[in-house]
Amino acid sequence: MLSTVELVLPVYNEAHVIEDSVGHVLDFVESNAGYRWKVVVVDNASTDATFAVAERLSKEFGPVHLRSIAQKGRGRAIKSTWGASEADFSIYMDIDLSTDLSAIPVAINQLEDGADIVVGSRFHEESHVKRSLKREMISRAYGRIARTVLGTKEIVDAQCGFKGVRVSSVRQILHLVENDNWFFDTELLFLASLAKFDVRHIPVRWTEDPDSRVRLIPTIWEDLKGLFRLRRSAKLLRAKVETLLKSHQ
């Protein structure tokens, strides 16, 4: 039986780009047979025409499905989708497609090989990245701080908008992730390290979107607060993860 692969596209006020991006994803799906594909557009409280465009696309193209989340938050959109997913593997990517779609088959191969989580890393030695020096320095600094504060090697490029998961694995710890915004990725990877999941980092071709909606200062502050929250609760979280894993054995 063919594996089901779900491509998740969280969107917030992206009416200007969603149709073009979904078109590129559909072209990729059509040219890559061998899997049962599902493209899930997750609208999280957009105030523009994003929902209307996504709804039209879901009616026009069979692989496209639409989910609507009442509250804003990328992490909330991904968590909700993965929690309800019936796919074998699920890959989320930013709607601007900053990560080239060539990373998808690489991620799937790793998941089929036994990985629980696959992380697109702009810092991989084989990656090709075009981005501003400021954002590059901030990302590298954040990774170093996160690894130091949390004592884990799994957080290399947590904020790259490309991650693939084995749904059955990640669902075991998903409800423990508290953050519903940009820190979601870091928290998920920290919990995965406590669970001793097989986390693999793959190279990507990545081009910075000049229209990025990430507000640096509030996001950095949110991330720092999140890191120290996880550090304070690490012992309790480890116990919870161990209990959960035993219950799934």
C-alpha atoms as a PDB file:
ATOM      1  CA  MET A   1       0.000   0.000   0.000  1.00  0.00           C
ATOM      2  CA  LEU A   2       1.252   3.469  -0.867  1.00  0.00           C
ATOM      3  CA  SER A   3       2.221   5.748   2.003  1.00  0.00           C
ATOM      4  CA  THR A   4       0.120   8.855   2.535  1.00  0.00           C
ATOM      5  CA  VAL A   5       2.157  12.067   2.589  1.00  0.00           C
ATOM      6  CA  GLU A   6       0.541  15.260   3.778  1.00  0.00           C
ATOM      7  CA  LEU A   7       1.974  18.659   2.825  1.00  0.00           C
ATOM      8  CA  VAL A   8       0.833  21.294   5.318  1.00  0.00           C
ATOM      9  CA  LEU A   9       0.782  24.990   4.392  1.00  0.00           C
ATOM     10  CA  PRO A  10      -0.121  27.286   7.323  1.00  0.00           C
ATOM     11  CA  VAL A  11      -1.400  30.660   6.081  1.00  0.00           C
ATOM     12  CA  TYR A  12      -2.268  34.000   7.616  1.00  0.00           C
ATOM     13  CA  ASN A  13      -3.240  36.881   5.326  1.00  0.00           C
ATOM     14  CA  GLU A  14      -1.502  35.351   2.309  1.00  0.00           C
ATOM     15  CA  ALA A  15      -4.157  35.998  -0.370  1.00  0.00           C
ATOM     16  CA  HIS A  16      -1.521  37.569  -2.611  1.00  0.00           C
ATOM     17  CA  VAL A  17       0.672  34.445  -2.794  1.00  0.00           C
ATOM     18  CA  ILE A  18      -1.396  31.402  -1.880  1.00  0.00           C
ATOM     19  CA  GLU A  19      -2.668  30.515  -5.354  1.00  0.00           C
ATOM     20  CA  ASP A  20       0.778  30.658  -6.934  1.00  0.00           C
ATOM     21  CA  SER A  21       2.401  28.664  -4.119  1.00  0.00           C
ATOM     22  CA  VAL A  22      -0.279  25.982  -4.073  1.00  0.00           C
ATOM     23  CA  GLY A  23       0.098  25.745  -7.853  1.00  0.00           C
ATOM     24  CA  HIS A  24       3.813  25.009  -7.483  1.00  0.00           C
ATOM     25  CA  VAL A  25       3.090  22.383  -4.837  1.00  0.00           C
ATOM     26  CA  LEU A  26       0.476  20.718  -7.055  1.00  0.00           C
ATOM     27  CA  ASP A  27       2.923  20.647  -9.979  1.00  0.00           C
ATOM     28  CA  PHE A  28       5.401  18.894  -7.702  1.00  0.00           C
ATOM     29  CA  VAL A  29       2.800  16.378  -6.503  1.00  0.00           C
ATOM     30  CA  GLU A  30       1.713  15.545 -10.047  1.00  0.00           C
ATOM     31  CA  SER A  31       5.291  14.895 -11.137  1.00  0.00           C
ATOM     32  CA  ASN A  32       6.116  12.664  -8.157  1.00  0.00           C
ATOM     33  CA  ALA A  33       4.072   9.492  -8.251  1.00  0.00           C
ATOM     34  CA  GLY A  34       4.482   6.707  -5.693  1.00  0.00           C
ATOM     35  CA  TYR A  35       2.614   8.278  -2.782  1.00  0.00           C
ATOM     36  CA  ARG A  36      -0.907   9.269  -1.884  1.00  0.00           C
ATOM     37  CA  TRP A  37      -0.589  13.048  -1.616  1.00  0.00           C
ATOM     38  CA  LYS A  38      -2.680  15.444   0.407  1.00  0.00           C
ATOM     39  CA  VAL A  39      -2.101  19.215   0.384  1.00  0.00           C
ATOM     40  CA  VAL A  40      -3.583  20.871   3.467  1.00  0.00           C
ATOM     41  CA  VAL A  41      -3.940  24.644   3.549  1.00  0.00           C
ATOM     42  CA  VAL A  42      -4.459  25.737   7.156  1.00  0.00           C
ATOM     43  CA  ASP A  43      -5.944  29.210   7.472  1.00  0.00           C
ATOM     44  CA  ASN A  44      -5.459  30.565  10.957  1.00  0.00           C
ATOM     45  CA  ALA A  45      -7.767  33.553  11.374  1.00  0.00           C
ATOM     46  CA  SER A  46      -6.845  35.476   8.218  1.00  0.00           C
ATOM     47  CA  THR A  47      -8.590  38.815   7.808  1.00  0.00           C
ATOM     48  CA  ASP A  48      -8.067  39.160   4.045  1.00  0.00           C
ATOM     49  CA  ALA A  49      -9.269  36.956   1.188  1.00  0.00           C
ATOM     50  CA  THR A  50      -6.988  34.029   2.072  1.00  0.00           C
ATOM     51  CA  PHE A  51      -9.815  31.732   3.169  1.00  0.00           C
ATOM     52  CA  ALA A  52     -11.874  32.453   0.060  1.00  0.00           C
ATOM     53  CA  VAL A  53      -8.964  31.711  -2.269  1.00  0.00           C
ATOM     54  CA  ALA A  54      -8.052  28.545  -0.375  1.00  0.00           C
ATOM     55  CA  GLU A  55     -11.668  27.390  -0.418  1.00  0.00           C
ATOM     56  CA  ARG A  56     -11.822  27.832  -4.194  1.00  0.00           C
ATOM     57  CA  LEU A  57      -8.590  25.889  -4.643  1.00  0.00           C
ATOM     58  CA  SER A  58      -9.889  23.055  -2.479  1.00  0.00           C
ATOM     59  CA  LYS A  59     -12.945  22.770  -4.733  1.00  0.00           C
ATOM     60  CA  GLU A  60     -10.943  22.930  -7.962  1.00  0.00           C
ATOM     61  CA  PHE A  61      -8.157  20.489  -7.087  1.00  0.00           C
ATOM     62  CA  GLY A  62      -8.701  17.082  -5.515  1.00  0.00           C
ATOM     63  CA  PRO A  63      -5.477  16.882  -3.439  1.00  0.00           C
ATOM     64  CA  VAL A  64      -6.116  20.292  -1.823  1.00  0.00           C
ATOM     65  CA  HIS A  65      -7.914  20.346   1.525  1.00  0.00           C
ATOM     66  CA  LEU A  66      -8.755  23.363   3.668  1.00  0.00           C
ATOM     67  CA  ARG A  67      -8.670  23.633   7.444  1.00  0.00           C
ATOM     68  CA  SER A  68      -9.737  26.742   9.308  1.00  0.00           C
ATOM     69  CA  ILE A  69      -8.405  27.654  12.750  1.00  0.00           C
ATOM     70  CA  ALA A  70     -10.260  30.346  14.670  1.00  0.00           C
ATOM     71  CA  GLN A  71      -7.147  31.829  16.283  1.00  0.00           C
ATOM     72  CA  LYS A  72      -3.900  33.111  14.861  1.00  0.00           C
ATOM     73  CA  GLY A  73      -0.681  31.180  15.398  1.00  0.00           C
ATOM     74  CA  ARG A  74       1.542  29.065  13.140  1.00  0.00           C
ATOM     75  CA  GLY A  75       2.212  26.544  15.880  1.00  0.00           C
ATOM     76  CA  ARG A  76      -1.503  26.269  16.620  1.00  0.00           C
ATOM     77  CA  ALA A  77      -2.224  25.595  12.937  1.00  0.00           C
ATOM     78  CA  ILE A  78       0.409  22.866  12.666  1.00  0.00           C
ATOM     79  CA  LYS A  79      -0.467  21.246  15.988  1.00  0.00           C
ATOM     80  CA  SER A  80      -4.155  21.127  15.110  1.00  0.00           C
ATOM     81  CA  THR A  81      -3.455  19.597  11.710  1.00  0.00           C
ATOM     82  CA  TRP A  82      -0.996  16.976  12.937  1.00  0.00           C
ATOM     83  CA  GLY A  83      -3.320  16.082  15.789  1.00  0.00           C
ATOM     84  CA  ALA A  84      -6.100  15.266  13.311  1.00  0.00           C
ATOM     85  CA  SER A  85      -3.915  13.810  10.561  1.00  0.00           C
ATOM     86  CA  GLU A  86      -4.472  10.312   9.190  1.00  0.00           C
ATOM     87  CA  ALA A  87      -1.336  10.448   7.043  1.00  0.00           C
ATOM     88  CA  ASP A  88       1.753   8.309   7.510  1.00  0.00           C
ATOM     89  CA  PHE A  89       4.063  11.286   7.094  1.00  0.00           C
ATOM     90  CA  SER A  90       3.371  15.008   7.278  1.00  0.00           C
ATOM     91  CA  ILE A  91       5.589  17.835   6.111  1.00  0.00           C
ATOM     92  CA  TYR A  92       4.914  21.471   6.851  1.00  0.00           C
ATOM     93  CA  MET A  93       6.453  24.332   4.921  1.00  0.00           C
ATOM     94  CA  ASP A  94       6.011  28.083   4.841  1.00  0.00           C
ATOM     95  CA  ILE A  95       3.606  29.299   2.155  1.00  0.00           C
ATOM     96  CA  ASP A  96       6.281  31.521   0.599  1.00  0.00           C
ATOM     97  CA  LEU A  97       8.135  28.302  -0.325  1.00  0.00           C
ATOM     98  CA  SER A  98      11.432  29.764   0.826  1.00  0.00           C
ATOM     99  CA  THR A  99      12.544  26.149   1.147  1.00  0.00           C
ATOM    100  CA  ASP A 100      12.845  24.640  -2.315  1.00  0.00           C
ATOM    101  CA  LEU A 101      10.451  21.739  -2.913  1.00  0.00           C
ATOM    102  CA  SER A 102      13.406  19.482  -3.724  1.00  0.00           C
ATOM    103  CA  ALA A 103      13.679  18.948   0.049  1.00  0.00           C
ATOM    104  CA  ILE A 104      10.386  17.002   0.102  1.00  0.00           C
ATOM    105  CA  PRO A 105      11.633  13.696  -1.391  1.00  0.00           C
ATOM    106  CA  VAL A 106      14.750  13.881   0.793  1.00  0.00           C
ATOM    107  CA  ALA A 107      12.576  14.247   3.894  1.00  0.00           C
ATOM    108  CA  ILE A 108      10.310  11.391   2.840  1.00  0.00           C
ATOM    109  CA  ASN A 109      13.292   9.110   2.265  1.00  0.00           C
ATOM    110  CA  GLN A 110      14.548   9.846   5.768  1.00  0.00           C
ATOM    111  CA  LEU A 111      11.117   9.200   7.289  1.00  0.00           C
ATOM    112  CA  GLU A 112      10.800   5.926   5.384  1.00  0.00           C
ATOM    113  CA  ASP A 113      14.248   5.014   6.685  1.00  0.00           C
ATOM    114  CA  GLY A 114      13.023   5.327  10.280  1.00  0.00           C
ATOM    115  CA  ALA A 115      13.367   8.991  11.217  1.00  0.00           C
ATOM    116  CA  ASP A 116      10.690  10.398  13.523  1.00  0.00           C
ATOM    117  CA  ILE A 117      11.352  14.045  12.652  1.00  0.00           C
ATOM    118  CA  VAL A 118      13.241  15.561   9.726  1.00  0.00           C
ATOM    119  CA  VAL A 119      14.428  19.158  10.024  1.00  0.00           C
ATOM    120  CA  GLY A 120      15.399  21.339   7.107  1.00  0.00           C
ATOM    121  CA  SER A 121      18.609  23.076   8.158  1.00  0.00           C
ATOM    122  CA  ARG A 122      19.990  26.183   6.532  1.00  0.00           C
ATOM    123  CA  PHE A 123      23.228  25.529   8.429  1.00  0.00           C
ATOM    124  CA  HIS A 124      23.872  22.128   6.913  1.00  0.00           C
ATOM    125  CA  GLU A 125      27.166  22.122   5.027  1.00  0.00           C
ATOM    126  CA  GLU A 126      25.372  21.106   1.813  1.00  0.00           C
ATOM    127  CA  SER A 127      22.652  23.775   2.034  1.00  0.00           C
ATOM    128  CA  HIS A 128      22.443  26.698  -0.395  1.00  0.00           C
ATOM    129  CA  VAL A 129      21.063  29.779   1.322  1.00  0.00           C
ATOM    130  CA  LYS A 130      20.316  33.347   0.256  1.00  0.00           C
ATOM    131  CA  ARG A 131      19.427  35.586   3.176  1.00  0.00           C
ATOM    132  CA  SER A 132      20.435  38.805   4.907  1.00  0.00           C
ATOM    133  CA  LEU A 133      23.497  38.814   7.157  1.00  0.00           C
ATOM    134  CA  LYS A 134      21.417  40.117  10.072  1.00  0.00           C
ATOM    135  CA  ARG A 135      18.948  37.233  10.002  1.00  0.00           C
ATOM    136  CA  GLU A 136      21.756  34.738   9.479  1.00  0.00           C
ATOM    137  CA  MET A 137      23.579  35.965  12.593  1.00  0.00           C
ATOM    138  CA  ILE A 138      20.387  36.023  14.677  1.00  0.00           C
ATOM    139  CA  SER A 139      19.486  32.464  13.661  1.00  0.00           C
ATOM    140  CA  ARG A 140      22.937  31.114  14.441  1.00  0.00           C
ATOM    141  CA  ALA A 141      23.023  32.907  17.783  1.00  0.00           C
ATOM    142  CA  TYR A 142      19.604  31.563  18.698  1.00  0.00           C
ATOM    143  CA  GLY A 143      20.661  28.008  17.915  1.00  0.00           C
ATOM    144  CA  ARG A 144      23.720  28.290  20.135  1.00  0.00           C
ATOM    145  CA  ILE A 145      21.692  29.792  22.986  1.00  0.00           C
ATOM    146  CA  ALA A 146      18.995  27.129  22.681  1.00  0.00           C
ATOM    147  CA  ARG A 147      21.491  24.257  22.725  1.00  0.00           C
ATOM    148  CA  THR A 148      23.247  25.737  25.737  1.00  0.00           C
ATOM    149  CA  VAL A 149      20.117  26.511  27.759  1.00  0.00           C
ATOM    150  CA  LEU A 150      18.362  23.218  26.995  1.00  0.00           C
ATOM    151  CA  GLY A 151      21.382  20.950  26.789  1.00  0.00           C
ATOM    152  CA  THR A 152      20.353  19.308  23.525  1.00  0.00           C
ATOM    153  CA  LYS A 153      22.076  19.002  20.162  1.00  0.00           C
ATOM    154  CA  GLU A 154      18.814  18.640  18.237  1.00  0.00           C
ATOM    155  CA  ILE A 155      18.132  22.373  17.988  1.00  0.00           C
ATOM    156  CA  VAL A 156      20.315  23.528  15.106  1.00  0.00           C
ATOM    157  CA  ASP A 157      17.968  25.526  12.883  1.00  0.00           C
ATOM    158  CA  ALA A 158      14.634  25.288  14.689  1.00  0.00           C
ATOM    159  CA  GLN A 159      13.019  28.202  12.880  1.00  0.00           C
ATOM    160  CA  CYS A 160      13.528  27.003   9.317  1.00  0.00           C
ATOM    161  CA  GLY A 161       9.989  26.603   7.964  1.00  0.00           C
ATOM    162  CA  PHE A 162      10.372  23.022   6.798  1.00  0.00           C
ATOM    163  CA  LYS A 163       9.862  19.947   8.979  1.00  0.00           C
ATOM    164  CA  GLY A 164       8.653  16.457   8.293  1.00  0.00           C
ATOM    165  CA  VAL A 165       7.273  14.063  10.884  1.00  0.00           C
ATOM    166  CA  ARG A 166       6.187  10.486  11.306  1.00  0.00           C
ATOM    167  CA  VAL A 167       2.655  11.263  12.478  1.00  0.00           C
ATOM    168  CA  SER A 168       2.349   8.246  14.786  1.00  0.00           C
ATOM    169  CA  SER A 169       5.523   9.281  16.628  1.00  0.00           C
ATOM    170  CA  VAL A 170       4.960  12.983  16.987  1.00  0.00           C
ATOM    171  CA  ARG A 171       1.369  12.565  18.137  1.00  0.00           C
ATOM    172  CA  GLN A 172       2.657  10.934  21.326  1.00  0.00           C
ATOM    173  CA  ILE A 173       4.182  14.219  22.510  1.00  0.00           C
ATOM    174  CA  LEU A 174       2.254  16.827  20.538  1.00  0.00           C
ATOM    175  CA  HIS A 175      -0.180  17.768  23.306  1.00  0.00           C
ATOM    176  CA  LEU A 176       2.747  18.645  25.585  1.00  0.00           C
ATOM    177  CA  VAL A 177       3.758  21.524  23.300  1.00  0.00           C
ATOM    178  CA  GLU A 178       2.413  24.688  24.960  1.00  0.00           C
ATOM    179  CA  ASN A 179       3.484  27.371  22.504  1.00  0.00           C
ATOM    180  CA  ASP A 180       1.151  28.102  19.591  1.00  0.00           C
ATOM    181  CA  ASN A 181       3.340  30.527  17.692  1.00  0.00           C
ATOM    182  CA  TRP A 182       6.925  30.637  16.409  1.00  0.00           C
ATOM    183  CA  PHE A 183       8.457  28.870  19.421  1.00  0.00           C
ATOM    184  CA  PHE A 184       6.402  25.756  18.603  1.00  0.00           C
ATOM    185  CA  ASP A 185       9.268  24.244  16.565  1.00  0.00           C
ATOM    186  CA  THR A 186      11.863  24.621  19.312  1.00  0.00           C
ATOM    187  CA  GLU A 187       9.543  23.152  21.930  1.00  0.00           C
ATOM    188  CA  LEU A 188       8.675  20.194  19.699  1.00  0.00           C
ATOM    189  CA  LEU A 189      12.356  19.432  19.067  1.00  0.00           C
ATOM    190  CA  PHE A 190      13.162  19.664  22.778  1.00  0.00           C
ATOM    191  CA  LEU A 191      10.389  17.198  23.616  1.00  0.00           C
ATOM    192  CA  ALA A 192      11.603  14.949  20.793  1.00  0.00           C
ATOM    193  CA  SER A 193      15.073  14.933  22.348  1.00  0.00           C
ATOM    194  CA  LEU A 194      13.570  13.939  25.735  1.00  0.00           C
ATOM    195  CA  ALA A 195      11.694  11.142  23.970  1.00  0.00           C
ATOM    196  CA  LYS A 196      14.931  10.062  22.254  1.00  0.00           C
ATOM    197  CA  PHE A 197      13.243  10.321  18.878  1.00  0.00           C
ATOM    198  CA  ASP A 198      15.305   9.879  15.737  1.00  0.00           C
ATOM    199  CA  VAL A 199      15.725  13.490  14.574  1.00  0.00           C
ATOM    200  CA  ARG A 200      17.626  14.086  11.345  1.00  0.00           C
ATOM    201  CA  HIS A 201      18.785  17.327   9.745  1.00  0.00           C
ATOM    202  CA  ILE A 202      18.810  17.654   5.969  1.00  0.00           C
ATOM    203  CA  PRO A 203      20.256  20.281   3.616  1.00  0.00           C
ATOM    204  CA  VAL A 204      17.918  22.700   1.868  1.00  0.00           C
ATOM    205  CA  ARG A 205      17.945  25.271  -0.879  1.00  0.00           C
ATOM    206  CA  TRP A 206      16.514  28.327   0.866  1.00  0.00           C
ATOM    207  CA  THR A 207      15.809  31.867  -0.316  1.00  0.00           C
ATOM    208  CA  GLU A 208      14.695  34.563   2.091  1.00  0.00           C
ATOM    209  CA  ASP A 209      11.274  36.063   1.462  1.00  0.00           C
ATOM    210  CA  PRO A 210      11.538  39.881   1.535  1.00  0.00           C
ATOM    211  CA  ASP A 211       7.873  39.958   2.596  1.00  0.00           C
ATOM    212  CA  SER A 212       8.467  37.850   5.722  1.00  0.00           C
ATOM    213  CA  ARG A 213       5.830  38.453   8.423  1.00  0.00           C
ATOM    214  CA  VAL A 214       8.139  37.497  11.290  1.00  0.00           C
ATOM    215  CA  ARG A 215       8.610  40.426  13.687  1.00  0.00           C
ATOM    216  CA  LEU A 216      12.121  39.937  14.982  1.00  0.00           C
ATOM    217  CA  ILE A 217      12.090  41.633  18.402  1.00  0.00           C
ATOM    218  CA  PRO A 218       8.788  40.157  19.705  1.00  0.00           C
ATOM    219  CA  THR A 219       9.754  36.744  18.306  1.00  0.00           C
ATOM    220  CA  ILE A 220      13.203  36.819  19.941  1.00  0.00           C
ATOM    221  CA  TRP A 221      11.627  37.785  23.269  1.00  0.00           C
ATOM    222  CA  GLU A 222       9.045  34.999  22.964  1.00  0.00           C
ATOM    223  CA  ASP A 223      11.795  32.497  22.152  1.00  0.00           C
ATOM    224  CA  LEU A 224      13.972  33.482  25.108  1.00  0.00           C
ATOM    225  CA  LYS A 225      11.049  33.228  27.531  1.00  0.00           C
ATOM    226  CA  GLY A 226      10.187  29.850  26.037  1.00  0.00           C
ATOM    227  CA  LEU A 227      13.719  28.522  26.418  1.00  0.00           C
ATOM    228  CA  PHE A 228      13.885  29.323  30.120  1.00  0.00           C
ATOM    229  CA  ARG A 229      10.363  27.962  30.675  1.00  0.00           C
ATOM    230  CA  LEU A 230      11.482  24.647  29.176  1.00  0.00           C
ATOM    231  CA  ARG A 231      14.667  24.652  31.231  1.00  0.00           C
ATOM    232  CA  ARG A 232      12.698  25.170  34.455  1.00  0.00           C
ATOM    233  CA  SER A 233      10.247  22.406  33.616  1.00  0.00           C
ATOM    234  CA  ALA A 234      12.707  19.961  32.013  1.00  0.00           C
ATOM    235  CA  LYS A 235      12.600  17.420  34.845  1.00  0.00           C
ATOM    236  CA  LEU A 236       8.798  17.326  34.900  1.00  0.00           C
ATOM    237  CA  LEU A 237       8.598  17.151  31.106  1.00  0.00           C
ATOM    238  CA  ARG A 238      11.068  14.268  31.002  1.00  0.00           C
ATOM    239  CA  ALA A 239       8.908  12.320  33.449  1.00  0.00           C
ATOM    240  CA  LYS A 240       5.767  13.049  31.418  1.00  0.00           C
ATOM    241  CA  VAL A 241       7.411  11.977  28.175  1.00  0.00           C
ATOM    242  CA  GLU A 242       8.689   8.732  29.706  1.00  0.00           C
ATOM    243  CA  THR A 243       5.186   7.931  31.035  1.00  0.00           C
ATOM    244  CA  LEU A 244       3.608   8.657  27.658  1.00  0.00           C
ATOM    245  CA  LEU A 245       6.068   6.491  25.773  1.00  0.00           C
ATOM    246  CA  LYS A 246       5.518   3.580  28.160  1.00  0.00           C
ATOM    247  CA  SER A 247       1.755   3.863  27.667  1.00  0.00           C
ATOM    248  CA  HIS A 248       2.231   3.580  23.889  1.00  0.00           C
ATOM    249  CA  GLN A 249       4.416   0.487  24.050  1.00  0.00           C
END
